[in-house]
């Protein structure tokens, strides 16, 4: 009976952990507080728009019900090719892939873009 109780407890714990991890949203970026009530965070993603959204989501979580005021922002591209070449290779790959029925090569990584913002909550 004791072994059955342990098995049920372990199974319930694992089920709860799996359920909670499935509900987890996009991981938020860490937020650093700087002087004069200014915060800093960096969103990282495979596209510029997603990186910006990740950073803004982290800022909104920090400010809660207050408005996010962006003081300054920077975008950094970390791809294996420069940004323009990467786009051209992707477009050519998509055309060739559609002609020959193969997929287009995916040269992007999940950390190609870094969008850093400094913001205040107001």
N, C-alpha and C. Protein backbone atom coordinates (compact mmCIF):
# COMPACT_ATOMS: atom_id res chain seq x y z
N UNK A 1 0.82 -1.19 0.00
CA UNK A 1 0.00 0.00 0.00
C UNK A 1 0.86 1.26 0.00
N UNK A 2 1.95 1.24 0.73
CA UNK A 2 2.85 2.38 0.79
C UNK A 2 3.48 2.65 -0.58
N UNK A 3 3.85 1.58 -1.31
CA UNK A 3 4.43 1.73 -2.64
C UNK A 3 3.41 2.32 -3.60
N UNK A 4 2.17 1.91 -3.49
CA UNK A 4 1.11 2.45 -4.34
C UNK A 4 0.92 3.95 -4.07
N UNK A 5 0.96 4.33 -2.81
CA UNK A 5 0.81 5.74 -2.44
C UNK A 5 1.95 6.57 -3.03
N UNK A 6 3.18 6.06 -2.98
CA UNK A 6 4.34 6.77 -3.54
C UNK A 6 4.22 6.89 -5.05
N UNK A 7 3.77 5.82 -5.69
CA UNK A 7 3.61 5.84 -7.15
C UNK A 7 2.56 6.86 -7.57
N UNK A 8 1.46 6.91 -6.85
CA UNK A 8 0.41 7.88 -7.17
C UNK A 8 0.92 9.30 -6.95
N UNK A 9 1.66 9.53 -5.87
CA UNK A 9 2.19 10.86 -5.58
C UNK A 9 3.16 11.31 -6.67
N UNK A 10 4.08 10.42 -7.06
CA UNK A 10 5.06 10.75 -8.10
C UNK A 10 4.35 11.01 -9.43
N UNK A 11 3.38 10.19 -9.77
CA UNK A 11 2.64 10.36 -11.02
C UNK A 11 1.88 11.69 -11.03
N UNK A 12 1.25 12.03 -9.93
CA UNK A 12 0.51 13.29 -9.83
C UNK A 12 1.46 14.48 -9.95
N UNK A 13 2.62 14.39 -9.32
CA UNK A 13 3.60 15.47 -9.39
C UNK A 13 4.11 15.65 -10.81
N UNK A 14 4.42 14.56 -11.49
CA UNK A 14 4.88 14.65 -12.88
C UNK A 14 3.79 15.21 -13.80
N UNK A 15 2.56 14.79 -13.59
CA UNK A 15 1.46 15.30 -14.41
C UNK A 15 1.28 16.80 -14.20
N UNK A 16 1.38 17.24 -12.95
CA UNK A 16 1.25 18.67 -12.67
C UNK A 16 2.39 19.46 -13.31
N UNK A 17 3.61 18.94 -13.23
CA UNK A 17 4.76 19.62 -13.83
C UNK A 17 4.62 19.72 -15.34
N UNK A 18 4.18 18.64 -15.98
CA UNK A 18 3.98 18.67 -17.43
C UNK A 18 2.87 19.63 -17.83
N UNK A 19 1.81 19.67 -17.06
CA UNK A 19 0.71 20.58 -17.35
C UNK A 19 1.16 22.03 -17.22
N UNK A 20 1.88 22.35 -16.17
CA UNK A 20 2.33 23.71 -15.97
C UNK A 20 3.35 24.12 -17.03
N UNK A 21 4.24 23.22 -17.43
CA UNK A 21 5.22 23.57 -18.46
C UNK A 21 4.56 23.75 -19.81
N UNK A 22 3.48 23.05 -20.08
CA UNK A 22 2.76 23.21 -21.34
C UNK A 22 2.05 24.56 -21.40
N UNK A 23 1.66 25.09 -20.26
CA UNK A 23 0.97 26.37 -20.21
C UNK A 23 1.92 27.56 -20.22
N UNK A 24 3.20 27.31 -20.11
CA UNK A 24 4.17 28.40 -20.02
C UNK A 24 4.18 29.18 -21.32
N UNK A 25 4.20 30.49 -21.21
CA UNK A 25 4.22 31.33 -22.39
C UNK A 25 5.66 31.55 -22.83
N UNK A 26 5.82 32.39 -23.84
CA UNK A 26 7.15 32.72 -24.32
C UNK A 26 8.00 33.22 -23.17
N UNK A 27 9.21 32.69 -23.02
CA UNK A 27 10.02 33.12 -21.90
C UNK A 27 10.30 34.62 -21.97
N UNK A 28 10.19 35.27 -20.83
CA UNK A 28 10.44 36.70 -20.81
C UNK A 28 11.92 36.96 -20.62
N UNK A 29 12.35 38.10 -21.09
CA UNK A 29 13.75 38.49 -20.96
C UNK A 29 13.97 39.08 -19.58
N UNK A 30 15.17 38.91 -19.03
CA UNK A 30 15.43 39.52 -17.72
C UNK A 30 15.40 41.05 -17.84
N UNK A 31 14.96 41.67 -16.78
CA UNK A 31 14.87 43.13 -16.73
C UNK A 31 15.83 43.63 -15.66
N UNK A 32 16.65 44.60 -16.03
CA UNK A 32 17.63 45.17 -15.11
C UNK A 32 17.22 46.60 -14.79
N UNK A 33 17.23 46.95 -13.51
CA UNK A 33 16.89 48.32 -13.13
C UNK A 33 18.17 49.15 -13.12
N UNK A 34 18.13 50.28 -13.79
CA UNK A 34 19.25 51.23 -13.84
C UNK A 34 18.91 52.45 -12.98
N UNK A 35 19.76 53.43 -13.01
CA UNK A 35 19.55 54.66 -12.22
C UNK A 35 18.34 55.43 -12.73
N UNK A 36 17.77 56.26 -11.89
CA UNK A 36 16.66 57.16 -12.23
C UNK A 36 15.41 56.43 -12.71
N UNK A 37 15.11 55.27 -12.12
CA UNK A 37 13.91 54.49 -12.45
C UNK A 37 13.85 54.06 -13.91
N UNK A 38 15.00 53.84 -14.52
CA UNK A 38 15.06 53.34 -15.89
C UNK A 38 15.38 51.85 -15.84
N UNK A 39 14.67 51.08 -16.65
CA UNK A 39 14.88 49.64 -16.73
C UNK A 39 15.46 49.30 -18.10
N UNK A 40 16.11 48.14 -18.18
CA UNK A 40 16.66 47.68 -19.45
C UNK A 40 16.34 46.20 -19.64
N UNK A 41 15.97 45.85 -20.86
CA UNK A 41 15.73 44.45 -21.21
C UNK A 41 16.08 44.23 -22.67
N UNK A 42 16.35 42.99 -23.02
CA UNK A 42 16.70 42.63 -24.39
C UNK A 42 15.84 41.46 -24.84
N UNK A 43 15.13 41.67 -25.93
CA UNK A 43 14.36 40.59 -26.55
C UNK A 43 15.20 39.92 -27.61
N UNK A 44 15.18 38.59 -27.63
CA UNK A 44 15.98 37.82 -28.59
C UNK A 44 15.04 36.91 -29.37
N UNK A 45 15.22 36.86 -30.71
CA UNK A 45 14.38 36.00 -31.55
C UNK A 45 15.00 35.84 -32.93
N UNK A 46 14.31 35.06 -33.77
CA UNK A 46 14.81 34.82 -35.12
C UNK A 46 14.41 35.92 -36.10
N UNK A 47 13.47 36.78 -35.73
CA UNK A 47 13.12 37.93 -36.56
C UNK A 47 13.15 39.19 -35.71
N UNK A 48 13.29 40.32 -36.38
CA UNK A 48 13.34 41.60 -35.67
C UNK A 48 12.03 41.88 -34.95
N UNK A 49 10.91 41.59 -35.61
CA UNK A 49 9.60 41.86 -35.02
C UNK A 49 9.39 41.03 -33.76
N UNK A 50 9.75 39.75 -33.80
CA UNK A 50 9.59 38.89 -32.62
C UNK A 50 10.50 39.36 -31.48
N UNK A 51 11.72 39.77 -31.81
CA UNK A 51 12.64 40.25 -30.77
C UNK A 51 12.08 41.52 -30.12
N UNK A 52 11.53 42.42 -30.93
CA UNK A 52 10.92 43.63 -30.39
C UNK A 52 9.74 43.28 -29.50
N UNK A 53 8.91 42.35 -29.94
CA UNK A 53 7.74 41.96 -29.16
C UNK A 53 8.16 41.32 -27.83
N UNK A 54 9.19 40.48 -27.85
CA UNK A 54 9.68 39.86 -26.62
C UNK A 54 10.16 40.90 -25.62
N UNK A 55 10.89 41.91 -26.09
CA UNK A 55 11.38 42.95 -25.20
C UNK A 55 10.22 43.79 -24.64
N UNK A 56 9.28 44.13 -25.49
CA UNK A 56 8.13 44.93 -25.06
C UNK A 56 7.26 44.14 -24.09
N UNK A 57 7.09 42.83 -24.33
CA UNK A 57 6.32 42.00 -23.40
C UNK A 57 6.97 41.99 -22.01
N UNK A 58 8.29 41.88 -21.96
CA UNK A 58 8.99 41.91 -20.67
C UNK A 58 8.82 43.26 -19.99
N UNK A 59 8.87 44.33 -20.77
CA UNK A 59 8.68 45.66 -20.21
C UNK A 59 7.27 45.82 -19.65
N UNK A 60 6.28 45.33 -20.38
CA UNK A 60 4.89 45.43 -19.92
C UNK A 60 4.66 44.62 -18.66
N UNK A 61 5.31 43.46 -18.55
CA UNK A 61 5.18 42.67 -17.32
C UNK A 61 5.80 43.41 -16.15
N UNK A 62 6.89 44.12 -16.39
CA UNK A 62 7.54 44.87 -15.33
C UNK A 62 6.68 46.04 -14.89
N UNK A 63 6.10 46.75 -15.84
CA UNK A 63 5.31 47.94 -15.52
C UNK A 63 3.89 47.61 -15.06
N UNK A 64 3.45 46.41 -15.28
CA UNK A 64 2.10 45.94 -14.91
C UNK A 64 1.04 46.85 -15.51
N UNK A 65 0.34 47.60 -14.69
CA UNK A 65 -0.77 48.43 -15.19
C UNK A 65 -0.31 49.81 -15.66
N UNK A 66 0.95 50.14 -15.44
CA UNK A 66 1.47 51.44 -15.88
C UNK A 66 1.88 51.36 -17.35
N UNK A 67 2.04 52.54 -17.95
CA UNK A 67 2.42 52.60 -19.35
C UNK A 67 3.93 52.48 -19.51
N UNK A 68 4.38 51.77 -20.55
CA UNK A 68 5.80 51.63 -20.85
C UNK A 68 6.23 52.81 -21.71
N UNK A 69 7.23 53.55 -21.24
CA UNK A 69 7.80 54.66 -22.00
C UNK A 69 9.22 54.26 -22.39
N UNK A 70 9.45 54.05 -23.68
CA UNK A 70 10.77 53.65 -24.14
C UNK A 70 11.67 54.88 -24.24
N UNK A 71 12.78 54.83 -23.52
CA UNK A 71 13.74 55.94 -23.50
C UNK A 71 14.66 55.85 -24.71
N UNK A 72 15.19 54.67 -25.00
CA UNK A 72 15.96 54.44 -26.22
C UNK A 72 15.95 52.95 -26.54
N UNK A 73 16.29 52.64 -27.79
CA UNK A 73 16.30 51.24 -28.22
C UNK A 73 17.38 51.02 -29.27
N UNK A 74 17.86 49.78 -29.35
CA UNK A 74 18.84 49.39 -30.36
C UNK A 74 18.51 47.99 -30.85
N UNK A 75 18.80 47.75 -32.11
CA UNK A 75 18.61 46.42 -32.70
C UNK A 75 19.98 45.94 -33.17
N UNK A 76 20.29 44.69 -32.84
CA UNK A 76 21.56 44.10 -33.26
C UNK A 76 21.26 42.79 -33.98
N UNK A 77 21.87 42.61 -35.16
CA UNK A 77 21.69 41.39 -35.94
C UNK A 77 22.91 40.50 -35.73
N UNK A 78 22.68 39.23 -35.38
CA UNK A 78 23.76 38.28 -35.08
C UNK A 78 23.76 37.09 -36.03
N UNK A 79 23.15 37.20 -37.19
CA UNK A 79 23.03 36.06 -38.10
C UNK A 79 24.36 35.61 -38.67
N UNK A 80 24.35 34.40 -39.27
CA UNK A 80 25.59 33.84 -39.83
C UNK A 80 26.00 34.57 -41.10
N UNK A 81 25.05 35.14 -41.80
CA UNK A 81 25.31 35.99 -42.95
C UNK A 81 24.87 37.40 -42.58
N UNK A 82 25.28 38.40 -43.36
CA UNK A 82 24.74 39.72 -43.05
C UNK A 82 23.26 39.71 -43.40
N UNK A 83 22.54 40.67 -42.87
CA UNK A 83 21.08 40.67 -42.93
C UNK A 83 20.55 40.63 -44.36
N UNK A 84 21.10 41.43 -45.24
CA UNK A 84 20.63 41.49 -46.63
C UNK A 84 20.92 40.18 -47.37
N UNK A 85 22.11 39.64 -47.20
CA UNK A 85 22.47 38.37 -47.86
C UNK A 85 21.59 37.24 -47.36
N UNK A 86 21.32 37.21 -46.05
CA UNK A 86 20.46 36.18 -45.49
C UNK A 86 19.07 36.21 -46.08
N UNK A 87 18.52 37.41 -46.28
CA UNK A 87 17.20 37.53 -46.90
C UNK A 87 17.21 37.06 -48.35
N UNK A 88 18.27 37.43 -49.11
CA UNK A 88 18.36 37.01 -50.51
C UNK A 88 18.48 35.49 -50.62
N UNK A 89 19.31 34.88 -49.78
CA UNK A 89 19.46 33.43 -49.80
C UNK A 89 18.14 32.76 -49.45
N UNK A 90 17.42 33.30 -48.48
CA UNK A 90 16.12 32.76 -48.11
C UNK A 90 15.12 32.84 -49.25
N UNK A 91 15.09 33.97 -49.96
CA UNK A 91 14.16 34.13 -51.07
C UNK A 91 14.51 33.22 -52.24
N UNK A 92 15.80 33.12 -52.57
CA UNK A 92 16.23 32.23 -53.65
C UNK A 92 15.93 30.79 -53.27
N UNK A 93 16.19 30.42 -52.03
CA UNK A 93 15.91 29.06 -51.56
C UNK A 93 14.43 28.73 -51.65
N UNK A 94 13.57 29.70 -51.34
CA UNK A 94 12.12 29.48 -51.41
C UNK A 94 11.68 29.26 -52.85
N UNK A 95 12.24 30.04 -53.80
CA UNK A 95 11.89 29.88 -55.21
C UNK A 95 12.35 28.52 -55.71
N UNK A 96 13.61 28.17 -55.44
CA UNK A 96 14.15 26.88 -55.88
C UNK A 96 13.39 25.73 -55.22
N UNK A 97 13.07 25.90 -53.94
CA UNK A 97 12.32 24.87 -53.23
C UNK A 97 10.94 24.66 -53.81
N UNK A 98 10.27 25.74 -54.24
CA UNK A 98 8.94 25.59 -54.82
C UNK A 98 9.01 24.97 -56.21
N UNK A 99 10.09 25.23 -56.96
CA UNK A 99 10.23 24.65 -58.30
C UNK A 99 10.48 23.14 -58.20
N UNK A 100 11.39 22.75 -57.32
CA UNK A 100 11.77 21.35 -57.21
C UNK A 100 11.00 20.58 -56.15
N UNK A 101 10.10 21.24 -55.45
CA UNK A 101 9.27 20.57 -54.46
C UNK A 101 10.00 20.24 -53.17
N UNK A 102 11.09 20.93 -52.91
CA UNK A 102 11.81 20.73 -51.64
C UNK A 102 11.58 21.95 -50.77
N UNK A 103 11.89 21.84 -49.52
CA UNK A 103 11.74 22.97 -48.61
C UNK A 103 12.84 23.99 -48.81
N UNK A 104 12.60 25.19 -48.36
CA UNK A 104 13.64 26.21 -48.46
C UNK A 104 14.59 26.08 -47.27
N UNK A 105 15.86 26.41 -47.46
CA UNK A 105 16.81 26.29 -46.35
C UNK A 105 16.51 27.33 -45.28
N UNK A 106 16.59 26.93 -44.04
CA UNK A 106 16.34 27.85 -42.94
C UNK A 106 17.67 28.19 -42.30
N UNK A 107 18.18 29.38 -42.60
CA UNK A 107 19.46 29.81 -42.07
C UNK A 107 19.32 30.61 -40.78
N UNK A 108 18.08 30.89 -40.39
CA UNK A 108 17.88 31.71 -39.19
C UNK A 108 18.04 30.87 -37.93
N UNK A 109 18.46 31.57 -36.87
CA UNK A 109 18.55 30.94 -35.55
C UNK A 109 17.65 31.73 -34.61
N UNK A 110 17.38 31.16 -33.46
CA UNK A 110 16.47 31.81 -32.51
C UNK A 110 17.09 33.04 -31.85
N UNK A 111 18.39 33.29 -32.09
CA UNK A 111 19.04 34.45 -31.48
C UNK A 111 19.63 35.39 -32.52
N UNK A 112 19.07 35.40 -33.73
CA UNK A 112 19.60 36.26 -34.79
C UNK A 112 19.44 37.75 -34.46
N UNK A 113 18.36 38.12 -33.80
CA UNK A 113 18.11 39.53 -33.50
C UNK A 113 18.07 39.78 -32.00
N UNK A 114 18.69 40.87 -31.59
CA UNK A 114 18.62 41.34 -30.20
C UNK A 114 18.04 42.75 -30.24
N UNK A 115 16.95 42.95 -29.54
CA UNK A 115 16.33 44.27 -29.45
C UNK A 115 16.42 44.72 -27.99
N UNK A 116 17.27 45.69 -27.73
CA UNK A 116 17.49 46.18 -26.37
C UNK A 116 16.75 47.49 -26.19
N UNK A 117 15.99 47.58 -25.10
CA UNK A 117 15.28 48.83 -24.81
C UNK A 117 15.59 49.28 -23.38
N UNK A 118 15.66 50.56 -23.21
CA UNK A 118 15.68 51.21 -21.90
C UNK A 118 14.32 51.88 -21.78
N UNK A 119 13.65 51.66 -20.65
CA UNK A 119 12.28 52.16 -20.52
C UNK A 119 12.00 52.59 -19.09
N UNK A 120 10.91 53.34 -18.98
CA UNK A 120 10.35 53.76 -17.68
C UNK A 120 8.91 53.31 -17.61
N UNK A 121 8.43 53.18 -16.40
CA UNK A 121 7.01 52.89 -16.17
C UNK A 121 6.34 54.18 -15.71
N UNK A 122 5.26 54.56 -16.36
CA UNK A 122 4.60 55.83 -16.02
C UNK A 122 3.10 55.66 -15.96
